[in-house]
Protein backbone atom coordinates (compact mmCIF):
# COMPACT_ATOMS: atom_id res chain seq x y z
CA MET A 1 52.73 27.70 15.82
CA ALA A 2 49.40 29.27 16.79
CA MET A 3 49.59 32.98 17.39
CA THR A 4 47.23 34.85 19.66
CA SER A 5 45.30 37.75 18.25
CA PRO A 6 46.29 41.26 19.32
CA THR A 7 43.04 41.53 21.26
CA HIS A 8 43.63 38.28 23.18
CA ASP A 9 43.81 38.88 26.93
CA VAL A 10 47.36 38.13 28.00
CA SER A 11 46.90 38.91 31.70
CA ALA A 12 46.98 35.23 32.71
CA ALA A 13 50.21 34.71 30.75
CA ALA A 14 51.67 37.84 32.33
CA ALA A 15 50.76 36.49 35.78
CA LEU A 16 52.41 33.17 34.93
CA PHE A 17 55.62 34.86 33.83
CA HIS A 18 55.51 37.09 36.91
CA SER A 19 55.27 33.98 39.10
CA LEU A 20 58.45 32.76 37.37
CA SER A 21 60.26 36.08 37.64
CA ASP A 22 62.01 35.39 40.93
CA PRO A 23 65.34 33.54 40.71
CA SER A 24 64.62 31.60 43.90
CA ARG A 25 61.30 30.34 42.53
CA LEU A 26 63.02 29.29 39.31
CA ARG A 27 65.69 27.43 41.26
CA ILE A 28 62.99 25.67 43.30
CA LEU A 29 61.12 24.64 40.16
CA GLN A 30 64.31 23.43 38.51
CA ARG A 31 65.10 21.36 41.59
CA LEU A 32 61.57 19.93 41.74
CA ALA A 33 61.89 18.99 38.07
CA GLU A 34 64.51 16.45 39.22
CA SER A 35 62.39 14.88 41.99
CA GLU A 36 60.10 15.79 44.83
CA ALA A 37 61.61 17.45 47.89
CA ARG A 38 60.83 18.63 51.39
CA VAL A 39 61.39 22.19 52.60
CA THR A 40 64.46 21.00 54.51
CA ASP A 41 65.86 19.45 51.31
CA LEU A 42 65.34 22.68 49.39
CA THR A 43 66.88 24.90 52.07
CA ALA A 44 69.96 22.70 52.29
CA GLU A 45 70.42 22.22 48.55
CA LEU A 46 69.65 25.77 47.45
CA GLY A 47 71.17 27.62 50.40
CA LEU A 48 67.98 29.54 51.09
CA ALA A 49 66.36 30.33 54.42
CA GLN A 50 63.43 28.15 55.45
CA SER A 51 61.10 31.16 55.51
CA THR A 52 62.16 32.10 51.97
CA VAL A 53 61.58 28.58 50.66
CA SER A 54 58.20 28.36 52.39
CA LYS A 55 57.12 31.74 50.98
CA HIS A 56 58.08 30.76 47.45
CA LEU A 57 56.48 27.32 47.74
CA ALA A 58 53.24 28.98 48.81
CA CYS A 59 53.39 31.27 45.78
CA LEU A 60 54.07 28.39 43.41
CA ARG A 61 51.31 26.33 45.00
CA ASP A 62 48.83 29.23 44.70
CA CYS A 63 49.71 29.38 41.00
CA ARG A 64 49.16 25.61 40.80
CA LEU A 65 52.66 25.04 39.47
CA ILE A 66 53.50 22.69 42.33
CA ASP A 67 51.61 20.32 44.58
CA SER A 68 52.46 18.47 47.75
CA ARG A 69 51.74 15.22 49.47
CA THR A 70 51.94 14.56 53.17
CA GLU A 71 53.71 11.57 54.63
CA GLY A 72 53.54 11.52 58.41
CA ARG A 73 54.57 14.99 59.54
CA GLN A 74 56.47 15.80 56.34
CA SER A 75 55.30 17.44 53.13
CA PHE A 76 56.89 16.48 49.84
CA TYR A 77 56.65 19.05 47.04
CA ARG A 78 56.59 18.19 43.34
CA LEU A 79 55.80 19.81 40.02
CA GLU A 80 52.10 19.73 39.33
CA HIS A 81 52.67 20.40 35.63
CA PRO A 82 55.88 18.93 34.23
CA GLU A 83 55.30 21.10 31.15
CA VAL A 84 57.20 23.78 33.02
CA ILE A 85 60.34 21.84 32.01
CA ASP A 86 59.44 22.50 28.36
CA LEU A 87 59.08 26.19 29.21
CA PHE A 88 62.57 26.21 30.76
CA GLU A 89 64.01 24.50 27.69
CA ALA A 90 62.29 27.01 25.38
CA ALA A 91 63.66 29.86 27.50
CA GLU A 92 67.18 28.44 27.26
CA THR A 93 66.85 28.19 23.48
CA LEU A 94 65.63 31.78 23.27
CA LEU A 95 68.44 33.01 25.52
CA GLU A 96 70.99 31.24 23.34
CA GLN A 97 69.47 32.70 20.17
CA THR A 98 69.50 36.24 21.57
CA GLY A 99 72.99 35.91 23.01
CA HIS A 100 71.54 36.38 26.49
CA ALA A 101 70.87 40.03 25.54
CA VAL A 102 68.14 40.23 28.15
CA ALA A 103 70.92 40.29 30.76
CA LEU A 104 71.79 43.75 29.41
CA CYS A 105 68.20 45.03 29.53
CA PRO A 106 68.07 48.17 31.72
CA ASN A 107 64.69 47.13 33.14
CA TYR A 108 65.20 43.42 33.79
CA GLY A 109 68.87 42.60 33.30
CA ALA A 110 71.57 41.82 35.81
CA GLU A 111 72.25 45.50 36.59
CA ALA A 112 68.55 46.19 37.25
CA ALA A 113 68.39 43.29 39.72
CA SER A 114 71.19 44.64 41.88
């Protein structure tokens, strides 16, 4: 595995991980990994408000993680880079290997989120 040097600028990677740091955005990406969807599909399936879904879709689109196509008056959203699925799988592996210890982290764990 190629390692980055200590002087390598990691700001773009930090921005990527920040874009993935919201549970609603992760749920949207996971859903779009299955198939494309409209805002109405996402609100119904994920139990989120339309304004919330639209806000998160805009963020993900700005980060170029998703794209959309228009059909009539409807927009269908899809992953622009299916490699995000590999990232999710790597994260699951890491969580399993660490015993989900990040959930106990005082800065980012479950208690910090509430």
